[in-house]
Amino acid sequence: MKALTVRPGQAGSAEVVEVEDPPDDAGTLLVEGVALGVCGTDREIVSGAYGEAPPGHDRLVLGHESLGRVLEAPAGSGFAEGELVAGIVRRPDPVPCGACAHGRFDMCRNGRYTERGIKGLDGYGSERWRVEPEYAVHVDAALADVGMLTEPASVVAKAWEQVELVGQRSWFEPKTVLVTGAGPVGLLGALLGVQRGLEVHVLDLATDGPKPQLVRDLGATYHSEAVDAVMQRLRPDIVLEGTGASAVVVDAMAGTAPYGIVCLLGVSQTGRTQRIDAGGLNRGIVLENVAVVGSVNAYGAHYRAGAEALGRADRDWLARLVTRRVPLVRASEALERRDDDIKVVIDL
């Protein structure tokens, strides 16, 4: 069968090659790959900056934003032939740490976890793959074209969970949320904010293309001016920061309403410096009880929450998040970033 593979640490080594069928592991689901979402992590791995092949292998099968159709399911697995599924990415570390031992491998403390398509385990970028039933998630049959959004939706579902847990420190009735960045995570974050009945605002640099209208069609408000001006005008109760841009991160932390919560989702580049008034930033955070929390990855409950949110969303709106589709044999095209991309999908 064909699979999209890479030699971790070697830039430009991404290639669609013939690989062996997944081994016949007892108790696992055999899944026909339907589609694969591409994200920045995949491009980092392809650039040689990240990634780890399985032990004893020199190539890693890419892909963690999965969608597949069950071909074989063992009795008692809770799955049936023909159902759509997404595979969970992370697996707990073998020690395990306290978080992994309690099923929260998204919060692994010692970094010994593995991740399919990223770190130590082959991913879902192949024509067929296997997955343990406990690491598979049901996907609504109506999401056959967009079910690969389940993984990014799980990341956003976790972010909202973190915001709500922090908010429960005290009385918490947020009204406004600002999402910075209108990529897939930002737009899905806005979707979950709208589903929560909040007044949602999205900030992005784009002034044309599909992003502004996608935001408006959610019933949210789109902004493209400077982040500090938007923060000052809105004073949002919640910020979901998805850009990782250092200036945006600082302005987000400095400009929330009292008792505001900033959830950082974007991963910043290192080695860049910026002058800030650290004392003023600290003073505002302390005196106004502002909370800043980082959030990454997801576990089973988040995947199920993300899949449920997608199931309640407008299907046409979700379909418009996918701006390019390419077949597996031309996967290299999907790995090239284009200015008007939102979500690029590889059809398996």
C-alpha atoms as a PDB file:
ATOM      1  CA  MET A   1       0.000   0.000   0.000  1.00  0.00           C
ATOM      2  CA  LYS A   2       1.042   3.624  -0.465  1.00  0.00           C
ATOM      3  CA  ALA A   3       1.969   5.913   2.405  1.00  0.00           C
ATOM      4  CA  LEU A   4       3.332   9.428   2.876  1.00  0.00           C
ATOM      5  CA  THR A   5       6.667   9.092   4.666  1.00  0.00           C
ATOM      6  CA  VAL A   6       9.618  11.217   5.744  1.00  0.00           C
ATOM      7  CA  ARG A   7      13.104  10.707   7.151  1.00  0.00           C
ATOM      8  CA  PRO A   8      12.950  12.714  10.391  1.00  0.00           C
ATOM      9  CA  GLY A   9      15.685  15.323  10.608  1.00  0.00           C
ATOM     10  CA  GLN A  10      16.284  15.279   6.855  1.00  0.00           C
ATOM     11  CA  ALA A  11      14.717  18.230   5.056  1.00  0.00           C
ATOM     12  CA  GLY A  12      12.993  17.499   1.762  1.00  0.00           C
ATOM     13  CA  SER A  13      12.738  13.757   2.364  1.00  0.00           C
ATOM     14  CA  ALA A  14       8.932  13.514   2.195  1.00  0.00           C
ATOM     15  CA  GLU A  15       7.916  10.871  -0.286  1.00  0.00           C
ATOM     16  CA  VAL A  16       4.969   8.638  -1.124  1.00  0.00           C
ATOM     17  CA  VAL A  17       6.315   5.089  -1.074  1.00  0.00           C
ATOM     18  CA  GLU A  18       5.093   1.521  -0.940  1.00  0.00           C
ATOM     19  CA  VAL A  19       5.012   0.146   2.595  1.00  0.00           C
ATOM     20  CA  GLU A  20       3.827  -3.117   4.095  1.00  0.00           C
ATOM     21  CA  ASP A  21       0.215  -3.475   5.147  1.00  0.00           C
ATOM     22  CA  PRO A  22      -0.353  -2.802   8.849  1.00  0.00           C
ATOM     23  CA  PRO A  23       0.336  -5.959  10.887  1.00  0.00           C
ATOM     24  CA  ASP A  24      -2.652  -8.053  11.874  1.00  0.00           C
ATOM     25  CA  ASP A  25      -2.724  -7.053  15.531  1.00  0.00           C
ATOM     26  CA  ALA A  26      -5.416  -8.837  17.497  1.00  0.00           C
ATOM     27  CA  GLY A  27      -8.011  -6.497  18.938  1.00  0.00           C
ATOM     28  CA  THR A  28      -7.331  -3.548  16.657  1.00  0.00           C
ATOM     29  CA  LEU A  29      -9.535  -1.920  14.036  1.00  0.00           C
ATOM     30  CA  LEU A  30      -8.449  -2.188  10.424  1.00  0.00           C
ATOM     31  CA  VAL A  31      -9.252   1.140   8.799  1.00  0.00           C
ATOM     32  CA  GLU A  32      -9.270   2.338   5.206  1.00  0.00           C
ATOM     33  CA  GLY A  33      -7.702   5.799   5.095  1.00  0.00           C
ATOM     34  CA  VAL A  34     -10.167   8.361   3.719  1.00  0.00           C
ATOM     35  CA  ALA A  35      -8.452  11.705   4.211  1.00  0.00           C
ATOM     36  CA  LEU A  36      -5.640  13.413   6.060  1.00  0.00           C
ATOM     37  CA  GLY A  37      -5.430  17.026   7.196  1.00  0.00           C
ATOM     38  CA  VAL A  38      -2.113  18.864   6.884  1.00  0.00           C
ATOM     39  CA  CYS A  39      -0.941  21.302   9.552  1.00  0.00           C
ATOM     40  CA  GLY A  40       2.118  23.269  10.598  1.00  0.00           C
ATOM     41  CA  THR A  41       3.497  20.350  12.596  1.00  0.00           C
ATOM     42  CA  ASP A  42       3.624  18.229   9.439  1.00  0.00           C
ATOM     43  CA  ARG A  43       5.488  20.978   7.621  1.00  0.00           C
ATOM     44  CA  GLU A  44       7.948  21.299  10.517  1.00  0.00           C
ATOM     45  CA  ILE A  45       8.650  17.572  10.312  1.00  0.00           C
ATOM     46  CA  VAL A  46       9.125  17.770   6.535  1.00  0.00           C
ATOM     47  CA  SER A  47      11.541  20.669   7.021  1.00  0.00           C
ATOM     48  CA  GLY A  48      13.700  18.443   9.244  1.00  0.00           C
ATOM     49  CA  ALA A  49      13.031  20.462  12.389  1.00  0.00           C
ATOM     50  CA  TYR A  50      11.132  17.806  14.273  1.00  0.00           C
ATOM     51  CA  GLY A  51       9.900  14.210  14.193  1.00  0.00           C
ATOM     52  CA  GLU A  52      11.024  10.776  15.301  1.00  0.00           C
ATOM     53  CA  ALA A  53      10.678   7.484  13.425  1.00  0.00           C
ATOM     54  CA  PRO A  54       9.499   4.312  15.183  1.00  0.00           C
ATOM     55  CA  PRO A  55      12.297   2.321  16.845  1.00  0.00           C
ATOM     56  CA  GLY A  56      14.295   0.384  14.259  1.00  0.00           C
ATOM     57  CA  HIS A  57      12.951   2.398  11.323  1.00  0.00           C
ATOM     58  CA  ASP A  58      14.488   5.245   9.364  1.00  0.00           C
ATOM     59  CA  ARG A  59      11.224   6.553   7.924  1.00  0.00           C
ATOM     60  CA  LEU A  60       8.098   7.844   9.658  1.00  0.00           C
ATOM     61  CA  VAL A  61       4.621   7.607   8.142  1.00  0.00           C
ATOM     62  CA  LEU A  62       3.264  11.138   8.437  1.00  0.00           C
ATOM     63  CA  GLY A  63      -0.229  12.255   9.359  1.00  0.00           C
ATOM     64  CA  HIS A  64      -2.115  12.899  12.586  1.00  0.00           C
ATOM     65  CA  GLU A  65      -5.327  14.646  11.416  1.00  0.00           C
ATOM     66  CA  SER A  66      -7.025  11.442  10.370  1.00  0.00           C
ATOM     67  CA  LEU A  67     -10.278  10.214   8.918  1.00  0.00           C
ATOM     68  CA  GLY A  68     -10.916   6.613   7.973  1.00  0.00           C
ATOM     69  CA  ARG A  69     -13.615   4.024   7.411  1.00  0.00           C
ATOM     70  CA  VAL A  70     -13.622   0.801   9.420  1.00  0.00           C
ATOM     71  CA  LEU A  71     -12.921  -2.304   7.339  1.00  0.00           C
ATOM     72  CA  GLU A  72     -12.714  -4.802  10.189  1.00  0.00           C
ATOM     73  CA  ALA A  73     -13.731  -4.445  13.825  1.00  0.00           C
ATOM     74  CA  PRO A  74     -13.309  -7.103  16.528  1.00  0.00           C
ATOM     75  CA  ALA A  75     -16.408  -8.182  18.417  1.00  0.00           C
ATOM     76  CA  GLY A  76     -17.054  -6.041  21.455  1.00  0.00           C
ATOM     77  CA  SER A  77     -14.927  -3.153  20.198  1.00  0.00           C
ATOM     78  CA  GLY A  78     -17.865  -0.739  20.001  1.00  0.00           C
ATOM     79  CA  PHE A  79     -17.211  -0.151  16.299  1.00  0.00           C
ATOM     80  CA  ALA A  80     -18.721  -1.663  13.167  1.00  0.00           C
ATOM     81  CA  GLU A  81     -17.621  -2.130   9.581  1.00  0.00           C
ATOM     82  CA  GLY A  82     -18.338   0.948   7.446  1.00  0.00           C
ATOM     83  CA  GLU A  83     -18.281   3.487  10.289  1.00  0.00           C
ATOM     84  CA  LEU A  84     -16.157   6.623  10.057  1.00  0.00           C
ATOM     85  CA  VAL A  85     -13.472   7.052  12.699  1.00  0.00           C
ATOM     86  CA  ALA A  86     -10.632   9.368  13.636  1.00  0.00           C
ATOM     87  CA  GLY A  87      -7.541   8.155  15.439  1.00  0.00           C
ATOM     88  CA  ILE A  88      -6.226   9.752  18.618  1.00  0.00           C
ATOM     89  CA  VAL A  89      -2.655  10.974  18.188  1.00  0.00           C
ATOM     90  CA  ARG A  90      -0.867  10.679  21.520  1.00  0.00           C
ATOM     91  CA  ARG A  91      -0.127   7.549  23.555  1.00  0.00           C
ATOM     92  CA  PRO A  92       0.872   7.575  27.243  1.00  0.00           C
ATOM     93  CA  ASP A  93       4.469   7.155  28.286  1.00  0.00           C
ATOM     94  CA  PRO A  94       5.496   3.650  29.386  1.00  0.00           C
ATOM     95  CA  VAL A  95       6.662   4.632  32.881  1.00  0.00           C
ATOM     96  CA  PRO A  96       3.979   6.137  33.322  1.00  0.00           C
ATOM     97  CA  CYS A  97       3.956   9.593  34.871  1.00  0.00           C
ATOM     98  CA  GLY A  98       1.092  10.487  37.200  1.00  0.00           C
ATOM     99  CA  ALA A  99      -0.927  12.213  34.482  1.00  0.00           C
ATOM    100  CA  CYS A 100      -0.556   9.328  32.020  1.00  0.00           C
ATOM    101  CA  ALA A 101      -1.390   6.839  34.754  1.00  0.00           C
ATOM    102  CA  HIS A 102      -4.674   8.692  35.240  1.00  0.00           C
ATOM    103  CA  GLY A 103      -5.488   8.675  31.510  1.00  0.00           C
ATOM    104  CA  ARG A 104      -4.479  12.294  30.900  1.00  0.00           C
ATOM    105  CA  PHE A 105      -1.633  11.640  28.492  1.00  0.00           C
ATOM    106  CA  ASP A 106      -2.243  15.058  26.945  1.00  0.00           C
ATOM    107  CA  MET A 107      -0.697  16.396  30.173  1.00  0.00           C
ATOM    108  CA  CYS A 108       2.315  14.018  30.230  1.00  0.00           C
ATOM    109  CA  ARG A 109       4.899  15.262  32.729  1.00  0.00           C
ATOM    110  CA  ASN A 110       8.070  13.491  31.611  1.00  0.00           C
ATOM    111  CA  GLY A 111       7.852  13.815  27.812  1.00  0.00           C
ATOM    112  CA  ARG A 112       8.146  10.083  27.148  1.00  0.00           C
ATOM    113  CA  TYR A 113       4.822   9.913  25.329  1.00  0.00           C
ATOM    114  CA  THR A 114       4.637   8.865  21.681  1.00  0.00           C
ATOM    115  CA  GLU A 115       2.509  10.438  18.952  1.00  0.00           C
ATOM    116  CA  ARG A 116       1.298   8.896  15.727  1.00  0.00           C
ATOM    117  CA  GLY A 117       2.811  10.586  12.717  1.00  0.00           C
ATOM    118  CA  ILE A 118       5.020  12.775  14.908  1.00  0.00           C
ATOM    119  CA  LYS A 119       7.065  10.999  17.552  1.00  0.00           C
ATOM    120  CA  GLY A 120       7.960   7.321  17.614  1.00  0.00           C
ATOM    121  CA  LEU A 121       4.814   5.910  15.978  1.00  0.00           C
ATOM    122  CA  ASP A 122       3.740   5.772  12.345  1.00  0.00           C
ATOM    123  CA  GLY A 123       0.894   8.107  11.515  1.00  0.00           C
ATOM    124  CA  TYR A 124      -2.355   7.828   9.606  1.00  0.00           C
ATOM    125  CA  GLY A 125      -1.067   8.921   6.181  1.00  0.00           C
ATOM    126  CA  SER A 126      -1.498   5.553   4.476  1.00  0.00           C
ATOM    127  CA  GLU A 127      -4.140   3.775   2.450  1.00  0.00           C
ATOM    128  CA  ARG A 128      -4.882   1.489   5.407  1.00  0.00           C
ATOM    129  CA  TRP A 129      -4.024   1.719   9.084  1.00  0.00           C
ATOM    130  CA  ARG A 130      -4.799   0.006  12.351  1.00  0.00           C
ATOM    131  CA  VAL A 131      -5.803   1.565  15.641  1.00  0.00           C
ATOM    132  CA  GLU A 132      -6.746   0.256  19.068  1.00  0.00           C
ATOM    133  CA  PRO A 133     -10.493   0.757  19.751  1.00  0.00           C
ATOM    134  CA  GLU A 134      -9.710   2.841  22.837  1.00  0.00           C
ATOM    135  CA  TYR A 135      -7.788   5.288  20.612  1.00  0.00           C
ATOM    136  CA  ALA A 136     -10.492   5.556  17.950  1.00  0.00           C
ATOM    137  CA  VAL A 137     -13.328   8.085  17.932  1.00  0.00           C
ATOM    138  CA  HIS A 138     -16.687   7.799  16.175  1.00  0.00           C
ATOM    139  CA  VAL A 139     -17.220  10.425  13.471  1.00  0.00           C
ATOM    140  CA  ASP A 140     -20.711  11.343  12.235  1.00  0.00           C
ATOM    141  CA  ALA A 141     -21.409   9.826   8.804  1.00  0.00           C
ATOM    142  CA  ALA A 142     -22.506  13.274   7.617  1.00  0.00           C
ATOM    143  CA  LEU A 143     -18.904  14.484   8.141  1.00  0.00           C
ATOM    144  CA  ALA A 144     -17.444  12.235   5.437  1.00  0.00           C
ATOM    145  CA  ASP A 145     -15.887  15.246   3.661  1.00  0.00           C
ATOM    146  CA  VAL A 146     -14.634  17.094   6.739  1.00  0.00           C
ATOM    147  CA  GLY A 147     -14.131  14.530   9.499  1.00  0.00           C
ATOM    148  CA  MET A 148     -10.354  15.049   9.383  1.00  0.00           C
ATOM    149  CA  LEU A 149     -11.102  18.250  11.316  1.00  0.00           C
ATOM    150  CA  THR A 150     -11.752  16.107  14.398  1.00  0.00           C
ATOM    151  CA  GLU A 151      -8.134  16.355  15.604  1.00  0.00           C
ATOM    152  CA  PRO A 152      -7.868  20.173  15.418  1.00  0.00           C
ATOM    153  CA  ALA A 153     -11.371  20.373  16.915  1.00  0.00           C
ATOM    154  CA  SER A 154     -10.117  18.239  19.827  1.00  0.00           C
ATOM    155  CA  VAL A 155      -7.293  20.700  20.469  1.00  0.00           C
ATOM    156  CA  VAL A 156      -9.825  23.534  20.568  1.00  0.00           C
ATOM    157  CA  ALA A 157     -12.191  21.535  22.790  1.00  0.00           C
ATOM    158  CA  LYS A 158      -9.361  21.092  25.288  1.00  0.00           C
ATOM    159  CA  ALA A 159      -8.596  24.825  25.167  1.00  0.00           C
ATOM    160  CA  TRP A 160     -12.216  25.654  25.988  1.00  0.00           C
ATOM    161  CA  GLU A 161     -12.150  23.083  28.798  1.00  0.00           C
ATOM    162  CA  GLN A 162      -9.057  24.764  30.249  1.00  0.00           C
ATOM    163  CA  VAL A 163     -10.684  28.211  30.036  1.00  0.00           C
ATOM    164  CA  GLU A 164     -13.803  26.977  31.805  1.00  0.00           C
ATOM    165  CA  LEU A 165     -11.832  25.190  34.517  1.00  0.00           C
ATOM    166  CA  VAL A 166      -9.810  28.328  35.232  1.00  0.00           C
ATOM    167  CA  GLY A 167     -12.954  30.443  35.172  1.00  0.00           C
ATOM    168  CA  GLN A 168     -14.430  28.336  37.945  1.00  0.00           C
ATOM    169  CA  ARG A 169     -11.974  29.916  40.407  1.00  0.00           C
ATOM    170  CA  SER A 170     -14.791  32.363  41.069  1.00  0.00           C
ATOM    171  CA  TRP A 171     -18.051  33.632  39.613  1.00  0.00           C
ATOM    172  CA  PHE A 172     -17.653  33.423  35.840  1.00  0.00           C
ATOM    173  CA  GLU A 173     -20.135  34.606  33.226  1.00  0.00           C
ATOM    174  CA  PRO A 174     -18.029  35.599  30.218  1.00  0.00           C
ATOM    175  CA  LYS A 175     -19.667  37.488  27.387  1.00  0.00           C
ATOM    176  CA  THR A 176     -16.940  38.226  24.825  1.00  0.00           C
ATOM    177  CA  VAL A 177     -14.137  36.156  23.353  1.00  0.00           C
ATOM    178  CA  LEU A 178     -11.408  37.277  20.992  1.00  0.00           C
ATOM    179  CA  VAL A 179      -9.741  34.638  18.829  1.00  0.00           C
ATOM    180  CA  THR A 180      -6.418  35.710  17.338  1.00  0.00           C
ATOM    181  CA  GLY A 181      -5.616  33.974  14.073  1.00  0.00           C
ATOM    182  CA  ALA A 182      -8.158  32.705  11.544  1.00  0.00           C
ATOM    183  CA  GLY A 183      -6.476  29.469  10.636  1.00  0.00           C
ATOM    184  CA  PRO A 184      -8.221  26.129  11.223  1.00  0.00           C
ATOM    185  CA  VAL A 185      -7.688  26.206  15.001  1.00  0.00           C
ATOM    186  CA  GLY A 186      -8.811  29.825  15.256  1.00  0.00           C
ATOM    187  CA  LEU A 187     -11.928  29.303  13.163  1.00  0.00           C
ATOM    188  CA  LEU A 188     -12.842  26.141  15.047  1.00  0.00           C
ATOM    189  CA  GLY A 189     -12.213  27.990  18.312  1.00  0.00           C
ATOM    190  CA  ALA A 190     -14.629  30.666  17.118  1.00  0.00           C
ATOM    191  CA  LEU A 191     -17.168  27.995  16.182  1.00  0.00           C
ATOM    192  CA  LEU A 192     -17.068  26.515  19.695  1.00  0.00           C
ATOM    193  CA  GLY A 193     -17.383  30.021  21.149  1.00  0.00           C
ATOM    194  CA  VAL A 194     -20.502  30.678  19.077  1.00  0.00           C
ATOM    195  CA  GLN A 195     -21.899  27.307  20.152  1.00  0.00           C
ATOM    196  CA  ARG A 196     -21.441  28.466  23.746  1.00  0.00           C
ATOM    197  CA  GLY A 197     -23.572  31.540  23.077  1.00  0.00           C
ATOM    198  CA  LEU A 198     -20.704  34.033  23.419  1.00  0.00           C
ATOM    199  CA  GLU A 199     -20.070  37.221  21.460  1.00  0.00           C
ATOM    200  CA  VAL A 200     -17.172  36.100  19.283  1.00  0.00           C
ATOM    201  CA  HIS A 201     -14.542  38.280  17.598  1.00  0.00           C
ATOM    202  CA  VAL A 202     -11.760  37.013  15.335  1.00  0.00           C
ATOM    203  CA  LEU A 203      -8.573  38.931  14.508  1.00  0.00           C
ATOM    204  CA  ASP A 204      -6.398  38.108  11.512  1.00  0.00           C
ATOM    205  CA  LEU A 205      -4.158  39.950   9.052  1.00  0.00           C
ATOM    206  CA  ALA A 206      -6.144  38.846   5.979  1.00  0.00           C
ATOM    207  CA  THR A 207      -8.412  41.486   4.481  1.00  0.00           C
ATOM    208  CA  ASP A 208      -9.629  39.411   1.532  1.00  0.00           C
ATOM    209  CA  GLY A 209      -9.983  35.731   0.721  1.00  0.00           C
ATOM    210  CA  PRO A 210     -12.363  33.365   2.531  1.00  0.00           C
ATOM    211  CA  LYS A 211     -11.527  34.144   6.170  1.00  0.00           C
ATOM    212  CA  PRO A 212     -13.573  37.320   6.766  1.00  0.00           C
ATOM    213  CA  GLN A 213     -16.741  35.830   5.313  1.00  0.00           C
ATOM    214  CA  LEU A 214     -16.292  32.541   7.169  1.00  0.00           C
ATOM    215  CA  VAL A 215     -16.183  34.509  10.421  1.00  0.00           C
ATOM    216  CA  ARG A 216     -19.226  36.600   9.518  1.00  0.00           C
ATOM    217  CA  ASP A 217     -21.187  33.518   8.503  1.00  0.00           C
ATOM    218  CA  LEU A 218     -20.660  32.191  12.023  1.00  0.00           C
ATOM    219  CA  GLY A 219     -22.373  35.292  13.338  1.00  0.00           C
ATOM    220  CA  ALA A 220     -19.032  36.555  14.657  1.00  0.00           C
ATOM    221  CA  THR A 221     -17.165  39.818  14.000  1.00  0.00           C
ATOM    222  CA  TYR A 222     -13.979  39.978  11.959  1.00  0.00           C
ATOM    223  CA  HIS A 223     -11.108  42.391  12.669  1.00  0.00           C
ATOM    224  CA  SER A 224      -7.892  43.039  10.751  1.00  0.00           C
ATOM    225  CA  GLU A 225      -6.455  46.095  12.530  1.00  0.00           C
ATOM    226  CA  ALA A 226      -3.722  46.194  15.169  1.00  0.00           C
ATOM    227  CA  VAL A 227      -4.258  43.783  18.035  1.00  0.00           C
ATOM    228  CA  ASP A 228      -3.685  46.353  20.779  1.00  0.00           C
ATOM    229  CA  ALA A 229      -6.404  48.601  19.330  1.00  0.00           C
ATOM    230  CA  VAL A 230      -8.854  45.700  19.171  1.00  0.00           C
ATOM    231  CA  MET A 231      -8.009  44.610  22.705  1.00  0.00           C
ATOM    232  CA  GLN A 232      -8.465  48.138  24.053  1.00  0.00           C
ATOM    233  CA  ARG A 233     -11.841  48.496  22.370  1.00  0.00           C
ATOM    234  CA  LEU A 234     -13.226  45.065  23.250  1.00  0.00           C
ATOM    235  CA  ARG A 235     -11.594  44.249  26.592  1.00  0.00           C
ATOM    236  CA  PRO A 236     -12.570  40.608  26.043  1.00  0.00           C
ATOM    237  CA  ASP A 237     -13.286  38.216  28.879  1.00  0.00           C
ATOM    238  CA  ILE A 238     -11.506  35.387  27.045  1.00  0.00           C
ATOM    239  CA  VAL A 239      -8.713  35.341  24.480  1.00  0.00           C
ATOM    240  CA  LEU A 240      -7.843  32.247  22.471  1.00  0.00           C
ATOM    241  CA  GLU A 241      -4.408  33.081  21.061  1.00  0.00           C
ATOM    242  CA  GLY A 242      -3.641  30.992  17.988  1.00  0.00           C
ATOM    243  CA  THR A 243      -0.914  32.910  16.146  1.00  0.00           C
ATOM    244  CA  GLY A 244       2.112  32.377  18.355  1.00  0.00           C
ATOM    245  CA  ALA A 245       3.297  35.834  17.273  1.00  0.00           C
ATOM    246  CA  SER A 246       5.127  37.311  20.262  1.00  0.00           C
ATOM    247  CA  ALA A 247       3.664  40.806  19.910  1.00  0.00           C
ATOM    248  CA  VAL A 248       0.140  39.387  19.741  1.00  0.00           C
ATOM    249  CA  VAL A 249       0.768  37.185  22.765  1.00  0.00           C
ATOM    250  CA  VAL A 250       1.951  40.142  24.866  1.00  0.00           C
ATOM    251  CA  ASP A 251      -0.928  42.392  23.794  1.00  0.00           C
ATOM    252  CA  ALA A 252      -3.403  39.592  24.547  1.00  0.00           C
ATOM    253  CA  MET A 253      -2.074  39.190  28.082  1.00  0.00           C
ATOM    254  CA  ALA A 254      -2.106  42.943  28.663  1.00  0.00           C
ATOM    255  CA  GLY A 255      -5.537  43.821  27.317  1.00  0.00           C
ATOM    256  CA  THR A 256      -8.185  41.526  28.736  1.00  0.00           C
ATOM    257  CA  ALA A 257     -11.029  42.541  31.008  1.00  0.00           C
ATOM    258  CA  PRO A 258     -10.532  42.097  34.763  1.00  0.00           C
ATOM    259  CA  TYR A 259     -10.561  38.385  35.612  1.00  0.00           C
ATOM    260  CA  GLY A 260      -9.790  37.745  31.952  1.00  0.00           C
ATOM    261  CA  ILE A 261      -8.434  34.405  30.763  1.00  0.00           C
ATOM    262  CA  VAL A 262      -5.860  34.092  27.991  1.00  0.00           C
ATOM    263  CA  CYS A 263      -5.405  30.610  26.539  1.00  0.00           C
ATOM    264  CA  LEU A 264      -2.240  30.285  24.456  1.00  0.00           C
ATOM    265  CA  LEU A 265      -2.540  27.777  21.605  1.00  0.00           C
ATOM    266  CA  GLY A 266      -0.031  29.090  19.080  1.00  0.00           C
ATOM    267  CA  VAL A 267       3.577  27.896  19.359  1.00  0.00           C
ATOM    268  CA  SER A 268       6.010  30.800  19.091  1.00  0.00           C
ATOM    269  CA  GLN A 269       9.339  30.770  17.290  1.00  0.00           C
ATOM    270  CA  THR A 270      12.364  31.120  19.539  1.00  0.00           C
ATOM    271  CA  GLY A 271      15.236  33.538  19.115  1.00  0.00           C
ATOM    272  CA  ARG A 272      13.124  36.624  18.479  1.00  0.00           C
ATOM    273  CA  THR A 273      13.189  39.489  20.975  1.00  0.00           C
ATOM    274  CA  GLN A 274      10.708  42.196  21.808  1.00  0.00           C
ATOM    275  CA  ARG A 275      10.841  45.093  24.233  1.00  0.00           C
ATOM    276  CA  ILE A 276       8.007  44.988  26.758  1.00  0.00           C
ATOM    277  CA  ASP A 277       7.120  46.698  30.004  1.00  0.00           C
ATOM    278  CA  ALA A 278       7.341  43.541  32.087  1.00  0.00           C
ATOM    279  CA  GLY A 279       6.496  45.384  35.290  1.00  0.00           C
ATOM    280  CA  GLY A 280       3.388  46.910  33.795  1.00  0.00           C
ATOM    281  CA  LEU A 281       2.332  43.567  32.343  1.00  0.00           C
ATOM    282  CA  ASN A 282       2.791  41.828  35.680  1.00  0.00           C
ATOM    283  CA  ARG A 283       0.975  44.615  37.537  1.00  0.00           C
ATOM    284  CA  GLY A 284      -2.080  44.318  35.295  1.00  0.00           C
ATOM    285  CA  ILE A 285      -2.189  40.525  35.493  1.00  0.00           C
ATOM    286  CA  VAL A 286      -1.908  40.520  39.282  1.00  0.00           C
ATOM    287  CA  LEU A 287      -4.211  43.416  40.131  1.00  0.00           C
ATOM    288  CA  GLU A 288      -6.949  42.248  37.755  1.00  0.00           C
ATOM    289  CA  ASN A 289      -6.737  38.506  38.545  1.00  0.00           C
ATOM    290  CA  VAL A 290      -5.940  37.705  34.925  1.00  0.00           C
ATOM    291  CA  ALA A 291      -4.981  34.099  34.164  1.00  0.00           C
ATOM    292  CA  VAL A 292      -2.733  32.912  31.349  1.00  0.00           C
ATOM    293  CA  VAL A 293      -2.742  29.200  30.506  1.00  0.00           C
ATOM    294  CA  GLY A 294      -1.041  27.207  27.775  1.00  0.00           C
ATOM    295  CA  SER A 295      -2.842  24.320  26.102  1.00  0.00           C
ATOM    296  CA  VAL A 296      -1.662  21.676  23.654  1.00  0.00           C
ATOM    297  CA  ASN A 297      -2.749  18.244  22.464  1.00  0.00           C
ATOM    298  CA  ALA A 298      -5.871  16.361  23.580  1.00  0.00           C
ATOM    299  CA  TYR A 299      -7.099  13.061  24.965  1.00  0.00           C
ATOM    300  CA  GLY A 300     -10.174  10.936  24.311  1.00  0.00           C
ATOM    301  CA  ALA A 301     -12.795  13.137  25.945  1.00  0.00           C
ATOM    302  CA  HIS A 302     -11.563  16.134  23.959  1.00  0.00           C
ATOM    303  CA  TYR A 303     -11.769  14.187  20.698  1.00  0.00           C
ATOM    304  CA  ARG A 304     -15.325  13.189  21.459  1.00  0.00           C
ATOM    305  CA  ALA A 305     -16.208  16.780  22.359  1.00  0.00           C
ATOM    306  CA  GLY A 306     -14.596  18.006  19.137  1.00  0.00           C
ATOM    307  CA  ALA A 307     -16.453  15.426  17.051  1.00  0.00           C
ATOM    308  CA  GLU A 308     -19.729  16.416  18.734  1.00  0.00           C
ATOM    309  CA  ALA A 309     -19.104  20.102  18.004  1.00  0.00           C
ATOM    310  CA  LEU A 310     -18.439  19.316  14.344  1.00  0.00           C
ATOM    311  CA  GLY A 311     -21.614  17.246  14.240  1.00  0.00           C
ATOM    312  CA  ARG A 312     -23.632  20.289  15.401  1.00  0.00           C
ATOM    313  CA  ALA A 313     -21.959  22.699  12.972  1.00  0.00           C
ATOM    314  CA  ASP A 314     -23.214  23.763   9.556  1.00  0.00           C
ATOM    315  CA  ARG A 315     -21.759  21.247   7.068  1.00  0.00           C
ATOM    316  CA  ASP A 316     -21.371  23.787   4.274  1.00  0.00           C
ATOM    317  CA  TRP A 317     -19.455  26.117   6.592  1.00  0.00           C
ATOM    318  CA  LEU A 318     -17.113  23.312   7.634  1.00  0.00           C
ATOM    319  CA  ALA A 319     -16.563  22.334   3.991  1.00  0.00           C
ATOM    320  CA  ARG A 320     -15.399  25.877   3.228  1.00  0.00           C
ATOM    321  CA  LEU A 321     -12.546  25.491   5.724  1.00  0.00           C
ATOM    322  CA  VAL A 322     -11.005  23.005   3.288  1.00  0.00           C
ATOM    323  CA  THR A 323      -9.433  25.221   0.657  1.00  0.00           C
ATOM    324  CA  ARG A 324      -7.398  22.569  -1.174  1.00  0.00           C
ATOM    325  CA  ARG A 325      -7.628  18.829  -1.712  1.00  0.00           C
ATOM    326  CA  VAL A 326      -4.912  16.773  -3.380  1.00  0.00           C
ATOM    327  CA  PRO A 327      -4.601  13.027  -3.970  1.00  0.00           C
ATOM    328  CA  LEU A 328      -2.034  11.011  -2.038  1.00  0.00           C
ATOM    329  CA  VAL A 329       0.215  10.603  -5.067  1.00  0.00           C
ATOM    330  CA  ARG A 330       0.612  14.413  -5.188  1.00  0.00           C
ATOM    331  CA  ALA A 331       0.996  14.856  -1.436  1.00  0.00           C
ATOM    332  CA  SER A 332       4.072  17.063  -1.887  1.00  0.00           C
ATOM    333  CA  GLU A 333       1.741  19.798  -3.170  1.00  0.00           C
ATOM    334  CA  ALA A 334      -0.250  19.687   0.066  1.00  0.00           C
ATOM    335  CA  LEU A 335       2.931  20.186   2.095  1.00  0.00           C
ATOM    336  CA  GLU A 336       3.682  23.471   0.331  1.00  0.00           C
ATOM    337  CA  ARG A 337       2.097  26.429   2.124  1.00  0.00           C
ATOM    338  CA  ARG A 338       0.099  28.884   0.005  1.00  0.00           C
ATOM    339  CA  ASP A 339      -1.108  32.296   1.078  1.00  0.00           C
ATOM    340  CA  ASP A 340      -4.803  31.510   0.675  1.00  0.00           C
ATOM    341  CA  ASP A 341      -4.705  28.145   2.464  1.00  0.00           C
ATOM    342  CA  ILE A 342      -6.893  27.440   5.460  1.00  0.00           C
ATOM    343  CA  LYS A 343      -7.016  23.651   5.668  1.00  0.00           C
ATOM    344  CA  VAL A 344      -5.300  21.492   3.069  1.00  0.00           C
ATOM    345  CA  VAL A 345      -6.447  17.876   2.823  1.00  0.00           C
ATOM    346  CA  ILE A 346      -4.833  14.828   1.264  1.00  0.00           C
ATOM    347  CA  ASP A 347      -7.357  12.353  -0.128  1.00  0.00           C
ATOM    348  CA  LEU A 348      -6.154   8.841   0.659  1.00  0.00           C
END
